[in-house]
Amino acid sequence: MTSAMKSRALISSLLLAGALMLMSAAPASATTNQVYRWRLFTRINDVRAAHGLHKFRIADSLRDTAQRHSNDMVARDYFAHTSPTGSTLYHRVLESGFPSGGSWSAGENIAWGTGSIGSPRSIVRMWMHSPVHRANLLSRTFGCIGIGRATGRFMGNSGAIVWTADFGHR
């Protein structure tokens, strides 16, 4: 094999390796997000069990709604239950398909932090120290939950983690 052929083979191998790394980056990020959402879910259910309450079930529609809200807060750099366009929890849940007729109710907790302050452990601890957020976590009415998590530059902080937990009863 000539040195030119060796060089082409090396360059081709490097390009292929680079392409494979780029292709695997997106699923790793989605998987990481899923892992951390699961960790928050189990932390919340651990707290509920410690208070003698039934565990929440994951509702896909609430999870999708919570994820969209976390994504929107990061993308538009705001921190609120109502979006800059006026979308409220009520509207988001209604559009999600979660209510399937009859009476229903919903609640929402949001939080954000960087580093360990944005970890599931810290987020649950903060919510438990806030009467309104604690009420949602320990509600006997809500039976379902959806959790959203988005990361990025937020409120002037790089590497921020923005959480949304949407609770529901139907």
N, C-alpha and C. Protein backbone atom coordinates (compact mmCIF):
# COMPACT_ATOMS: atom_id res chain seq x y z
N MET A 1 0.85 -1.16 0.00
CA MET A 1 0.00 0.00 0.00
C MET A 1 0.90 1.23 0.00
N THR A 2 0.60 2.19 -0.88
CA THR A 2 1.41 3.40 -0.98
C THR A 2 1.08 4.34 0.17
N SER A 3 1.94 5.33 0.38
CA SER A 3 1.69 6.27 1.47
C SER A 3 0.46 7.12 1.19
N ALA A 4 0.17 7.42 -0.07
CA ALA A 4 -1.03 8.18 -0.43
C ALA A 4 -2.28 7.36 -0.08
N MET A 5 -2.24 6.06 -0.36
CA MET A 5 -3.39 5.19 -0.04
C MET A 5 -3.57 5.10 1.48
N LYS A 6 -2.46 5.02 2.20
CA LYS A 6 -2.52 4.96 3.67
C LYS A 6 -3.12 6.26 4.21
N SER A 7 -2.72 7.38 3.65
CA SER A 7 -3.24 8.67 4.10
C SER A 7 -4.74 8.76 3.85
N ARG A 8 -5.20 8.34 2.65
CA ARG A 8 -6.63 8.36 2.33
C ARG A 8 -7.41 7.44 3.25
N ALA A 9 -6.85 6.27 3.54
CA ALA A 9 -7.52 5.33 4.43
C ALA A 9 -7.63 5.91 5.84
N LEU A 10 -6.56 6.57 6.31
CA LEU A 10 -6.56 7.18 7.64
C LEU A 10 -7.58 8.32 7.70
N ILE A 11 -7.60 9.17 6.68
CA ILE A 11 -8.56 10.28 6.64
C ILE A 11 -9.98 9.75 6.59
N SER A 12 -10.22 8.74 5.78
CA SER A 12 -11.56 8.15 5.71
C SER A 12 -11.98 7.58 7.05
N SER A 13 -11.08 6.91 7.72
CA SER A 13 -11.38 6.33 9.03
C SER A 13 -11.69 7.42 10.04
N LEU A 14 -10.93 8.51 10.02
CA LEU A 14 -11.18 9.61 10.94
C LEU A 14 -12.51 10.29 10.66
N LEU A 15 -12.83 10.48 9.39
CA LEU A 15 -14.13 11.07 9.04
C LEU A 15 -15.28 10.18 9.47
N LEU A 16 -15.15 8.88 9.26
CA LEU A 16 -16.19 7.94 9.68
C LEU A 16 -16.36 7.96 11.19
N ALA A 17 -15.25 7.96 11.93
CA ALA A 17 -15.31 8.00 13.39
C ALA A 17 -15.98 9.29 13.86
N GLY A 18 -15.65 10.43 13.22
CA GLY A 18 -16.27 11.70 13.58
C GLY A 18 -17.76 11.70 13.32
N ALA A 19 -18.14 11.15 12.17
CA ALA A 19 -19.57 11.08 11.83
C ALA A 19 -20.32 10.20 12.82
N LEU A 20 -19.74 9.09 13.21
CA LEU A 20 -20.39 8.20 14.18
C LEU A 20 -20.53 8.89 15.53
N MET A 21 -19.53 9.65 15.95
CA MET A 21 -19.62 10.36 17.23
C MET A 21 -20.73 11.41 17.18
N LEU A 22 -20.85 12.13 16.08
CA LEU A 22 -21.90 13.13 15.95
C LEU A 22 -23.28 12.49 15.96
N MET A 23 -23.41 11.36 15.28
CA MET A 23 -24.71 10.68 15.22
C MET A 23 -25.10 10.14 16.58
N SER A 24 -24.16 9.73 17.40
CA SER A 24 -24.50 9.16 18.70
C SER A 24 -24.71 10.22 19.76
N ALA A 25 -24.35 11.50 19.51
CA ALA A 25 -24.48 12.55 20.51
C ALA A 25 -25.94 12.85 20.82
N ALA A 26 -26.81 12.93 19.83
CA ALA A 26 -28.20 13.28 20.07
C ALA A 26 -28.92 12.25 20.93
N PRO A 27 -28.84 10.95 20.63
CA PRO A 27 -29.52 10.00 21.49
C PRO A 27 -28.97 9.99 22.92
N ALA A 28 -27.68 10.24 23.09
CA ALA A 28 -27.11 10.26 24.43
C ALA A 28 -27.73 11.39 25.23
N SER A 29 -27.95 12.55 24.60
CA SER A 29 -28.56 13.68 25.28
C SER A 29 -30.00 13.37 25.67
N ALA A 30 -30.76 12.77 24.77
CA ALA A 30 -32.14 12.39 25.07
C ALA A 30 -32.17 11.35 26.18
N THR A 31 -31.24 10.42 26.14
CA THR A 31 -31.18 9.39 27.17
C THR A 31 -30.83 10.01 28.52
N THR A 32 -29.89 10.95 28.52
CA THR A 32 -29.52 11.63 29.77
C THR A 32 -30.72 12.34 30.35
N ASN A 33 -31.47 13.04 29.51
CA ASN A 33 -32.66 13.75 29.96
C ASN A 33 -33.67 12.78 30.57
N GLN A 34 -33.86 11.65 29.92
CA GLN A 34 -34.80 10.64 30.40
C GLN A 34 -34.35 10.08 31.76
N VAL A 35 -33.07 9.85 31.91
CA VAL A 35 -32.53 9.32 33.18
C VAL A 35 -32.80 10.31 34.31
N TYR A 36 -32.52 11.59 34.08
CA TYR A 36 -32.73 12.58 35.15
C TYR A 36 -34.20 12.81 35.45
N ARG A 37 -35.05 12.76 34.42
CA ARG A 37 -36.50 12.86 34.69
C ARG A 37 -36.94 11.68 35.55
N TRP A 38 -36.42 10.48 35.27
CA TRP A 38 -36.75 9.30 36.06
C TRP A 38 -36.27 9.47 37.51
N ARG A 39 -35.09 10.05 37.68
CA ARG A 39 -34.56 10.27 39.04
C ARG A 39 -35.46 11.22 39.83
N LEU A 40 -35.95 12.27 39.18
CA LEU A 40 -36.86 13.18 39.88
C LEU A 40 -38.16 12.46 40.21
N PHE A 41 -38.66 11.69 39.28
CA PHE A 41 -39.88 10.92 39.50
C PHE A 41 -39.73 9.99 40.72
N THR A 42 -38.64 9.26 40.80
CA THR A 42 -38.46 8.34 41.94
C THR A 42 -38.26 9.10 43.23
N ARG A 43 -37.58 10.25 43.21
CA ARG A 43 -37.42 11.08 44.41
C ARG A 43 -38.79 11.54 44.92
N ILE A 44 -39.61 12.01 43.99
CA ILE A 44 -40.95 12.46 44.38
C ILE A 44 -41.75 11.30 44.98
N ASN A 45 -41.70 10.15 44.35
CA ASN A 45 -42.44 9.00 44.88
C ASN A 45 -41.87 8.50 46.21
N ASP A 46 -40.56 8.64 46.41
CA ASP A 46 -39.98 8.30 47.71
C ASP A 46 -40.54 9.20 48.81
N VAL A 47 -40.65 10.49 48.52
CA VAL A 47 -41.21 11.44 49.49
C VAL A 47 -42.67 11.10 49.77
N ARG A 48 -43.40 10.77 48.72
CA ARG A 48 -44.82 10.42 48.91
C ARG A 48 -44.95 9.15 49.78
N ALA A 49 -44.12 8.16 49.50
CA ALA A 49 -44.16 6.91 50.29
C ALA A 49 -43.83 7.19 51.75
N ALA A 50 -42.87 8.08 51.99
CA ALA A 50 -42.48 8.43 53.37
C ALA A 50 -43.62 9.12 54.11
N HIS A 51 -44.57 9.69 53.37
CA HIS A 51 -45.73 10.34 53.96
C HIS A 51 -46.99 9.46 53.87
N GLY A 52 -46.81 8.20 53.55
CA GLY A 52 -47.93 7.26 53.51
C GLY A 52 -48.87 7.46 52.34
N LEU A 53 -48.39 8.05 51.25
CA LEU A 53 -49.23 8.31 50.10
C LEU A 53 -48.93 7.35 48.96
N HIS A 54 -49.92 7.13 48.10
CA HIS A 54 -49.70 6.28 46.92
C HIS A 54 -48.72 6.96 45.98
N LYS A 55 -48.05 6.15 45.19
CA LYS A 55 -47.08 6.68 44.23
C LYS A 55 -47.81 7.23 43.01
N PHE A 56 -47.20 8.25 42.41
CA PHE A 56 -47.72 8.79 41.16
C PHE A 56 -47.49 7.81 40.03
N ARG A 57 -48.36 7.84 39.04
CA ARG A 57 -48.16 7.14 37.78
C ARG A 57 -47.76 8.18 36.75
N ILE A 58 -46.94 7.78 35.80
CA ILE A 58 -46.56 8.71 34.73
C ILE A 58 -47.68 8.74 33.69
N ALA A 59 -48.08 9.94 33.34
CA ALA A 59 -49.05 10.15 32.26
C ALA A 59 -48.28 10.73 31.08
N ASP A 60 -48.26 10.02 29.98
CA ASP A 60 -47.50 10.47 28.80
C ASP A 60 -47.91 11.88 28.37
N SER A 61 -49.20 12.16 28.39
CA SER A 61 -49.66 13.48 27.95
C SER A 61 -49.14 14.57 28.87
N LEU A 62 -49.12 14.32 30.18
CA LEU A 62 -48.57 15.32 31.11
C LEU A 62 -47.06 15.44 30.96
N ARG A 63 -46.40 14.32 30.70
CA ARG A 63 -44.95 14.36 30.49
C ARG A 63 -44.61 15.21 29.27
N ASP A 64 -45.34 15.02 28.18
CA ASP A 64 -45.10 15.80 26.97
C ASP A 64 -45.38 17.28 27.21
N THR A 65 -46.45 17.57 27.95
CA THR A 65 -46.80 18.96 28.27
C THR A 65 -45.71 19.59 29.13
N ALA A 66 -45.25 18.88 30.14
CA ALA A 66 -44.20 19.40 31.03
C ALA A 66 -42.91 19.61 30.26
N GLN A 67 -42.57 18.68 29.38
CA GLN A 67 -41.33 18.81 28.60
C GLN A 67 -41.40 20.02 27.68
N ARG A 68 -42.53 20.21 27.04
CA ARG A 68 -42.67 21.37 26.15
C ARG A 68 -42.55 22.67 26.94
N HIS A 69 -43.10 22.70 28.15
CA HIS A 69 -43.03 23.92 28.96
C HIS A 69 -41.59 24.20 29.40
N SER A 70 -40.86 23.17 29.82
CA SER A 70 -39.45 23.36 30.18
C SER A 70 -38.66 23.84 28.97
N ASN A 71 -38.88 23.22 27.82
CA ASN A 71 -38.19 23.64 26.59
C ASN A 71 -38.50 25.10 26.26
N ASP A 72 -39.77 25.47 26.39
CA ASP A 72 -40.19 26.83 26.06
C ASP A 72 -39.55 27.85 27.01
N MET A 73 -39.50 27.53 28.30
CA MET A 73 -38.88 28.46 29.25
C MET A 73 -37.41 28.68 28.92
N VAL A 74 -36.69 27.61 28.56
CA VAL A 74 -35.28 27.77 28.20
C VAL A 74 -35.15 28.55 26.90
N ALA A 75 -35.94 28.20 25.90
CA ALA A 75 -35.84 28.85 24.59
C ALA A 75 -36.16 30.34 24.66
N ARG A 76 -37.16 30.72 25.48
CA ARG A 76 -37.57 32.12 25.55
C ARG A 76 -37.01 32.84 26.77
N ASP A 77 -36.27 32.12 27.61
CA ASP A 77 -35.61 32.71 28.77
C ASP A 77 -36.59 33.40 29.73
N TYR A 78 -37.61 32.65 30.14
CA TYR A 78 -38.54 33.15 31.15
C TYR A 78 -38.78 32.05 32.17
N PHE A 79 -39.24 32.43 33.36
CA PHE A 79 -39.51 31.45 34.40
C PHE A 79 -40.88 31.77 34.99
N ALA A 80 -41.91 31.08 34.52
CA ALA A 80 -43.27 31.34 34.96
C ALA A 80 -44.19 30.20 34.54
N HIS A 81 -45.33 30.13 35.20
CA HIS A 81 -46.33 29.13 34.85
C HIS A 81 -47.11 29.56 33.60
N THR A 82 -47.12 30.87 33.33
CA THR A 82 -47.77 31.40 32.14
C THR A 82 -46.70 31.86 31.16
N SER A 83 -46.78 31.39 29.92
CA SER A 83 -45.77 31.73 28.91
C SER A 83 -45.95 33.17 28.44
N PRO A 84 -44.95 33.73 27.78
CA PRO A 84 -45.09 35.08 27.24
C PRO A 84 -46.25 35.22 26.24
N THR A 85 -46.67 34.12 25.64
CA THR A 85 -47.80 34.17 24.71
C THR A 85 -49.15 33.99 25.42
N GLY A 86 -49.11 33.81 26.74
CA GLY A 86 -50.34 33.68 27.51
C GLY A 86 -50.78 32.26 27.78
N SER A 87 -50.02 31.27 27.33
CA SER A 87 -50.37 29.87 27.56
C SER A 87 -50.26 29.55 29.05
N THR A 88 -51.34 29.01 29.59
CA THR A 88 -51.36 28.67 31.02
C THR A 88 -51.36 27.15 31.18
N LEU A 89 -51.16 26.70 32.41
CA LEU A 89 -51.22 25.27 32.70
C LEU A 89 -52.55 24.71 32.22
N TYR A 90 -53.64 25.39 32.51
CA TYR A 90 -54.96 24.94 32.10
C TYR A 90 -55.01 24.68 30.59
N HIS A 91 -54.54 25.64 29.81
CA HIS A 91 -54.57 25.49 28.35
C HIS A 91 -53.65 24.36 27.88
N ARG A 92 -52.46 24.29 28.48
CA ARG A 92 -51.51 23.26 28.06
C ARG A 92 -52.05 21.86 28.35
N VAL A 93 -52.65 21.68 29.52
CA VAL A 93 -53.17 20.36 29.88
C VAL A 93 -54.40 20.04 29.04
N LEU A 94 -55.26 21.00 28.83
CA LEU A 94 -56.45 20.79 28.00
C LEU A 94 -56.06 20.35 26.59
N GLU A 95 -55.04 21.00 26.02
CA GLU A 95 -54.58 20.67 24.67
C GLU A 95 -53.83 19.34 24.62
N SER A 96 -53.36 18.86 25.75
CA SER A 96 -52.56 17.63 25.78
C SER A 96 -53.38 16.37 25.57
N GLY A 97 -54.68 16.48 25.79
CA GLY A 97 -55.52 15.29 25.72
C GLY A 97 -55.61 14.56 27.05
N PHE A 98 -54.99 15.09 28.10
CA PHE A 98 -55.06 14.44 29.41
C PHE A 98 -56.49 14.31 29.91
N PRO A 99 -57.28 15.41 29.90
CA PRO A 99 -58.67 15.25 30.33
C PRO A 99 -59.43 14.43 29.30
N SER A 100 -60.06 13.38 29.74
CA SER A 100 -60.79 12.53 28.80
C SER A 100 -62.28 12.57 29.08
N GLY A 101 -62.74 13.71 29.53
CA GLY A 101 -64.14 13.86 29.88
C GLY A 101 -64.30 13.82 31.38
N GLY A 102 -65.39 14.34 31.86
CA GLY A 102 -65.62 14.37 33.29
C GLY A 102 -64.77 15.42 33.97
N SER A 103 -64.69 15.33 35.27
CA SER A 103 -63.93 16.33 36.01
C SER A 103 -62.45 15.96 36.05
N TRP A 104 -61.63 16.97 36.10
CA TRP A 104 -60.19 16.77 36.18
C TRP A 104 -59.58 17.97 36.89
N SER A 105 -58.39 17.79 37.38
CA SER A 105 -57.66 18.88 38.01
C SER A 105 -56.18 18.71 37.69
N ALA A 106 -55.46 19.81 37.82
CA ALA A 106 -54.02 19.77 37.52
C ALA A 106 -53.29 20.79 38.38
N GLY A 107 -52.02 20.55 38.57
CA GLY A 107 -51.15 21.47 39.29
C GLY A 107 -49.78 21.42 38.63
N GLU A 108 -48.96 22.41 38.96
CA GLU A 108 -47.65 22.48 38.31
C GLU A 108 -46.61 23.03 39.28
N ASN A 109 -45.45 22.39 39.30
CA ASN A 109 -44.28 22.90 39.99
C ASN A 109 -43.20 23.16 38.95
N ILE A 110 -42.53 24.29 39.07
CA ILE A 110 -41.39 24.57 38.21
C ILE A 110 -40.20 24.93 39.10
N ALA A 111 -39.02 24.69 38.59
CA ALA A 111 -37.80 25.01 39.32
C ALA A 111 -36.64 25.06 38.35
N TRP A 112 -35.57 25.70 38.76
CA TRP A 112 -34.36 25.68 37.94
C TRP A 112 -33.15 25.89 38.83
N GLY A 113 -32.03 25.44 38.34
CA GLY A 113 -30.78 25.61 39.06
C GLY A 113 -29.62 25.20 38.19
N THR A 114 -28.43 25.46 38.67
CA THR A 114 -27.21 25.04 37.99
C THR A 114 -26.45 24.09 38.90
N GLY A 115 -25.67 23.21 38.29
CA GLY A 115 -24.88 22.27 39.07
C GLY A 115 -25.75 21.44 39.99
N SER A 116 -25.28 21.23 41.23
CA SER A 116 -26.02 20.37 42.16
C SER A 116 -27.33 21.01 42.61
N ILE A 117 -27.47 22.32 42.48
CA ILE A 117 -28.72 22.98 42.85
C ILE A 117 -29.85 22.56 41.90
N GLY A 118 -29.50 22.17 40.69
CA GLY A 118 -30.50 21.71 39.73
C GLY A 118 -30.73 20.22 39.75
N SER A 119 -30.12 19.51 40.70
CA SER A 119 -30.26 18.05 40.77
C SER A 119 -31.65 17.66 41.28
N PRO A 120 -32.11 16.46 40.94
CA PRO A 120 -33.41 16.02 41.45
C PRO A 120 -33.51 16.10 42.99
N ARG A 121 -32.46 15.75 43.69
CA ARG A 121 -32.47 15.81 45.16
C ARG A 121 -32.72 17.24 45.64
N SER A 122 -31.99 18.19 45.07
CA SER A 122 -32.15 19.59 45.48
C SER A 122 -33.51 20.15 45.11
N ILE A 123 -33.98 19.78 43.93
CA ILE A 123 -35.28 20.30 43.48
C ILE A 123 -36.39 19.81 44.41
N VAL A 124 -36.40 18.54 44.75
CA VAL A 124 -37.44 18.03 45.65
C VAL A 124 -37.31 18.68 47.03
N ARG A 125 -36.10 18.86 47.49
CA ARG A 125 -35.88 19.52 48.80
C ARG A 125 -36.46 20.93 48.77
N MET A 126 -36.18 21.68 47.70
CA MET A 126 -36.72 23.05 47.60
C MET A 126 -38.24 23.04 47.57
N TRP A 127 -38.82 22.14 46.76
CA TRP A 127 -40.27 22.07 46.68
C TRP A 127 -40.89 21.70 48.03
N MET A 128 -40.24 20.83 48.77
CA MET A 128 -40.78 20.44 50.08
C MET A 128 -40.74 21.58 51.09
N HIS A 129 -39.89 22.57 50.86
CA HIS A 129 -39.80 23.73 51.76
C HIS A 129 -40.70 24.89 51.32
N SER A 130 -41.43 24.70 50.27
CA SER A 130 -42.37 25.71 49.77
C SER A 130 -43.79 25.16 49.97
N PRO A 131 -44.62 25.83 50.77
CA PRO A 131 -45.96 25.29 51.04
C PRO A 131 -46.79 24.95 49.81
N VAL A 132 -46.77 25.79 48.78
CA VAL A 132 -47.58 25.55 47.59
C VAL A 132 -47.04 24.34 46.81
N HIS A 133 -45.73 24.27 46.64
CA HIS A 133 -45.13 23.16 45.90
C HIS A 133 -45.25 21.85 46.69
N ARG A 134 -45.08 21.95 47.99
CA ARG A 134 -45.23 20.78 48.86
C ARG A 134 -46.65 20.22 48.75
N ALA A 135 -47.63 21.10 48.69
CA ALA A 135 -49.03 20.67 48.57
C ALA A 135 -49.24 19.84 47.31
N ASN A 136 -48.63 20.25 46.20
CA ASN A 136 -48.75 19.46 44.97
C ASN A 136 -48.08 18.10 45.12
N LEU A 137 -46.86 18.09 45.70
CA LEU A 137 -46.14 16.82 45.87
C LEU A 137 -46.90 15.84 46.76
N LEU A 138 -47.56 16.36 47.78
CA LEU A 138 -48.21 15.49 48.76
C LEU A 138 -49.73 15.46 48.60
N SER A 139 -50.21 15.89 47.46
CA SER A 139 -51.65 15.90 47.21
C SER A 139 -52.21 14.49 47.21
N ARG A 140 -53.34 14.31 47.88
CA ARG A 140 -54.04 13.03 47.84
C ARG A 140 -54.95 12.96 46.60
N THR A 141 -55.18 14.10 45.96
CA THR A 141 -56.04 14.16 44.78
C THR A 141 -55.31 13.72 43.53
N PHE A 142 -54.10 14.25 43.32
CA PHE A 142 -53.37 13.94 42.10
C PHE A 142 -52.87 12.50 42.11
N GLY A 143 -53.01 11.83 40.97
CA GLY A 143 -52.53 10.46 40.85
C GLY A 143 -51.52 10.28 39.73
N CYS A 144 -51.44 11.31 38.86
CA CYS A 144 -50.56 11.23 37.69
C CYS A 144 -49.58 12.38 37.70
N ILE A 145 -48.47 12.15 37.03
CA ILE A 145 -47.44 13.19 36.92
C ILE A 145 -46.77 13.09 35.56
N GLY A 146 -46.29 14.21 35.10
CA GLY A 146 -45.43 14.28 33.93
C GLY A 146 -44.29 15.22 34.26
N ILE A 147 -43.08 14.84 33.89
CA ILE A 147 -41.90 15.64 34.25
C ILE A 147 -41.16 16.05 32.99
N GLY A 148 -40.82 17.33 32.95
CA GLY A 148 -40.01 17.88 31.86
C GLY A 148 -38.70 18.42 32.40
N ARG A 149 -37.66 18.31 31.58
CA ARG A 149 -36.33 18.80 31.96
C ARG A 149 -35.65 19.35 30.71
N ALA A 150 -35.19 20.58 30.80
CA ALA A 150 -34.46 21.19 29.69
C ALA A 150 -33.19 21.83 30.25
N THR A 151 -32.15 21.81 29.46
CA THR A 151 -30.89 22.39 29.89
C THR A 151 -30.41 23.40 28.87
N GLY A 152 -29.58 24.31 29.34
CA GLY A 152 -29.01 25.31 28.43
C GLY A 152 -28.75 26.61 29.15
N ARG A 153 -28.50 27.64 28.37
CA ARG A 153 -28.29 28.98 28.92
C ARG A 153 -29.66 29.50 29.35
N PHE A 154 -29.75 29.95 30.61
CA PHE A 154 -31.04 30.36 31.16
C PHE A 154 -30.81 31.44 32.21
N MET A 155 -31.52 32.52 32.08
CA MET A 155 -31.42 33.63 33.03
C MET A 155 -29.97 34.06 33.25
N GLY A 156 -29.19 34.04 32.16
CA GLY A 156 -27.80 34.46 32.23
C GLY A 156 -26.84 33.41 32.76
N ASN A 157 -27.32 32.21 32.98
CA ASN A 157 -26.49 31.13 33.52
C ASN A 157 -26.33 30.03 32.50
N SER A 158 -25.09 29.66 32.20
CA SER A 158 -24.88 28.54 31.29
C SER A 158 -25.02 27.25 32.09
N GLY A 159 -25.44 26.19 31.42
CA GLY A 159 -25.59 24.90 32.07
C GLY A 159 -26.73 24.82 33.07
N ALA A 160 -27.74 25.65 32.88
CA ALA A 160 -28.89 25.62 33.78
C ALA A 160 -29.78 24.42 33.47
N ILE A 161 -30.51 23.98 34.48
CA ILE A 161 -31.46 22.87 34.35
C ILE A 161 -32.82 23.42 34.76
N VAL A 162 -33.79 23.30 33.87
CA VAL A 162 -35.13 23.84 34.12
C VAL A 162 -36.11 22.66 34.18
N TRP A 163 -36.82 22.57 35.28
CA TRP A 163 -37.74 21.46 35.54
C TRP A 163 -39.19 21.94 35.51
N THR A 164 -40.06 21.09 35.02
CA THR A 164 -41.51 21.26 35.15
C THR A 164 -42.09 19.93 35.58
N ALA A 165 -42.91 19.96 36.61
CA ALA A 165 -43.66 18.77 37.02
C ALA A 165 -45.14 19.14 36.93
N ASP A 166 -45.86 18.44 36.07
CA ASP A 166 -47.29 18.65 35.93
C ASP A 166 -48.02 17.48 36.58
N PHE A 167 -48.94 17.82 37.48
CA PHE A 167 -49.70 16.82 38.25
C PHE A 167 -51.13 16.82 37.75
N GLY A 168 -51.77 15.66 37.77
CA GLY A 168 -53.14 15.61 37.30
C GLY A 168 -53.99 14.56 37.99
N HIS A 169 -55.29 14.80 37.89
CA HIS A 169 -56.32 13.86 38.37
C HIS A 169 -57.43 13.86 37.32
N ARG A 170 -57.89 12.67 36.98
CA ARG A 170 -59.04 12.57 36.07
C ARG A 170 -59.93 11.43 36.51
